[in-house]
Amino acid sequence: MSGKKDFSLLNCIGSSLLAIFFTVPVHELFHALTSLAYGDKVVIYSATAVLPADIINYEALSPLNRIMVTGGSASILNAIIAVMLAIILLKCSMGSALRLFLTQLMGAHLCQGFGYFLIGGFFGAGDWST
């Protein structure tokens, strides 16, 4: 054996942390943009949470619009980004490090998007709970 060290585990962990780092703020940004589009004010925006002012009359909205305002739009965006990343991974040739990162980014977007469908549907929590 040569004295060469294998850093593949560290590379996987590092790129997965970067994938989460780039996924969650996009999700929260879309929550903020959706709230602003429906006329709400965003009181607090951070990379991990959005606090709208809740000045919208939710009862006046249709059920679809109510879902979009309360969070479904961000989950749908994550699912769309994941599908786009899957197409890029299938159609483009790239190096192994970039392929690893894009695969983990796709997985993070899938978890962020479809995970909310499961949590909201089974437990009544998350973006789809209302």
Protein backbone atom coordinates (compact mmCIF):
# COMPACT_ATOMS: atom_id res chain seq x y z
CA MET A 1 0.00 0.00 0.00
CA SER A 2 1.16 3.46 -0.68
CA GLY A 3 0.94 6.09 2.04
CA LYS A 4 -1.82 7.86 0.12
CA LYS A 5 -4.89 8.75 2.18
CA ASP A 6 -8.43 8.27 0.92
CA PHE A 7 -10.51 11.42 1.42
CA SER A 8 -13.62 10.19 -0.42
CA LEU A 9 -15.72 10.08 2.78
CA LEU A 10 -14.73 13.64 3.65
CA ASN A 11 -15.52 14.72 0.09
CA CYS A 12 -18.98 13.13 0.32
CA ILE A 13 -19.71 14.76 3.67
CA GLY A 14 -18.40 18.14 2.54
CA SER A 15 -20.36 18.18 -0.70
CA SER A 16 -23.54 17.03 1.04
CA LEU A 17 -23.23 19.89 3.53
CA LEU A 18 -22.79 22.28 0.61
CA ALA A 19 -25.88 20.81 -1.06
CA ILE A 20 -27.98 21.46 2.06
CA PHE A 21 -26.39 24.91 2.38
CA PHE A 22 -27.63 25.77 -1.13
CA THR A 23 -31.04 24.05 -0.86
CA VAL A 24 -32.60 25.39 2.34
CA PRO A 25 -32.13 29.14 1.65
CA VAL A 26 -33.69 28.72 -1.82
CA HIS A 27 -36.68 27.02 -0.20
CA GLU A 28 -37.07 29.79 2.37
CA LEU A 29 -36.54 32.53 -0.22
CA PHE A 30 -39.44 31.16 -2.22
CA HIS A 31 -41.61 31.21 0.93
CA ALA A 32 -40.76 34.89 1.33
CA LEU A 33 -41.41 35.70 -2.33
CA THR A 34 -44.75 33.90 -2.27
CA SER A 35 -45.81 35.80 0.84
CA LEU A 36 -44.85 39.09 -0.80
CA ALA A 37 -46.66 38.14 -4.03
CA TYR A 38 -49.89 37.59 -2.09
CA GLY A 39 -49.58 40.96 -0.33
CA ASP A 40 -48.21 39.76 3.00
CA LYS A 41 -45.22 41.30 4.73
CA VAL A 42 -42.16 39.30 5.72
CA VAL A 43 -41.23 40.13 9.32
CA ILE A 44 -38.16 37.89 9.55
CA TYR A 45 -36.22 36.16 6.81
CA SER A 46 -33.25 33.94 7.56
CA ALA A 47 -31.58 31.12 5.70
CA THR A 48 -33.63 28.57 7.64
CA ALA A 49 -36.99 30.23 8.35
CA VAL A 50 -39.45 32.88 7.21
CA LEU A 51 -41.92 34.65 9.46
CA PRO A 52 -44.71 36.38 7.53
CA ALA A 53 -46.87 39.04 9.18
CA ASP A 54 -50.03 36.99 8.42
CA ILE A 55 -52.08 39.99 7.34
CA ILE A 56 -53.72 37.95 4.58
CA ASN A 57 -57.32 36.85 5.03
CA TYR A 58 -56.79 33.13 4.46
CA GLU A 59 -60.51 32.34 4.48
CA ALA A 60 -61.01 34.57 1.42
CA LEU A 61 -58.49 32.58 -0.61
CA SER A 62 -59.31 29.51 -2.65
CA PRO A 63 -57.94 26.23 -1.26
CA LEU A 64 -55.16 26.14 -3.91
CA ASN A 65 -54.09 29.71 -3.16
CA ARG A 66 -54.21 28.99 0.57
CA ILE A 67 -51.83 26.06 0.08
CA MET A 68 -49.51 28.20 -2.03
CA VAL A 69 -49.38 30.99 0.53
CA THR A 70 -48.84 28.70 3.49
CA GLY A 71 -45.90 26.93 1.95
CA GLY A 72 -46.73 24.56 -0.82
CA SER A 73 -45.11 26.74 -3.45
CA ALA A 74 -41.65 26.30 -1.94
CA SER A 75 -42.00 22.51 -1.90
CA ILE A 76 -43.15 22.52 -5.51
CA LEU A 77 -40.16 24.67 -6.45
CA ASN A 78 -37.80 22.18 -4.77
CA ALA A 79 -39.38 19.32 -6.72
CA ILE A 80 -39.02 21.24 -10.00
CA ILE A 81 -35.36 22.02 -9.28
CA ALA A 82 -34.74 18.34 -8.48
CA VAL A 83 -36.25 17.26 -11.81
CA MET A 84 -34.14 19.85 -13.65
CA LEU A 85 -31.00 18.60 -11.89
CA ALA A 86 -31.91 15.01 -12.81
CA ILE A 87 -32.17 16.00 -16.47
CA ILE A 88 -28.80 17.77 -16.28
CA LEU A 89 -27.23 14.71 -14.67
CA LEU A 90 -28.62 12.43 -17.36
CA LYS A 91 -27.82 14.62 -20.37
CA CYS A 92 -24.47 16.27 -19.53
CA SER A 93 -21.02 14.82 -19.09
CA MET A 94 -19.05 16.13 -16.13
CA GLY A 95 -16.34 15.25 -13.69
CA SER A 96 -16.93 12.91 -10.79
CA ALA A 97 -16.78 15.64 -8.12
CA LEU A 98 -19.36 17.80 -9.88
CA ARG A 99 -21.56 14.76 -10.55
CA LEU A 100 -21.41 13.86 -6.85
CA PHE A 101 -22.33 17.39 -5.80
CA LEU A 102 -25.20 17.69 -8.28
CA THR A 103 -26.53 14.29 -7.26
CA GLN A 104 -26.50 15.32 -3.60
CA LEU A 105 -28.05 18.68 -4.48
CA MET A 106 -30.81 16.86 -6.37
CA GLY A 107 -31.36 14.60 -3.36
CA ALA A 108 -31.51 17.56 -1.00
CA HIS A 109 -34.12 19.25 -3.18
CA LEU A 110 -36.12 16.02 -3.41
CA CYS A 111 -36.06 15.64 0.37
CA GLN A 112 -36.96 19.29 0.90
CA GLY A 113 -39.81 19.11 -1.60
CA PHE A 114 -41.35 15.66 -1.31
CA GLY A 115 -40.49 15.27 2.36
CA TYR A 116 -43.00 18.00 3.11
CA PHE A 117 -45.69 16.10 1.22
CA LEU A 118 -45.15 13.10 3.49
CA ILE A 119 -44.83 15.05 6.74
CA GLY A 120 -47.85 17.23 5.96
CA GLY A 121 -49.95 14.33 4.77
CA PHE A 122 -49.22 11.90 7.59
CA PHE A 123 -48.55 14.16 10.56
CA GLY A 124 -50.35 17.42 9.77
CA ALA A 125 -47.13 19.42 10.10
CA GLY A 126 -44.79 21.23 7.77
CA ASP A 127 -45.53 23.34 4.72
CA TRP A 128 -48.66 21.43 3.66
CA SER A 129 -50.32 21.25 7.08
CA THR A 130 -52.98 23.92 6.54
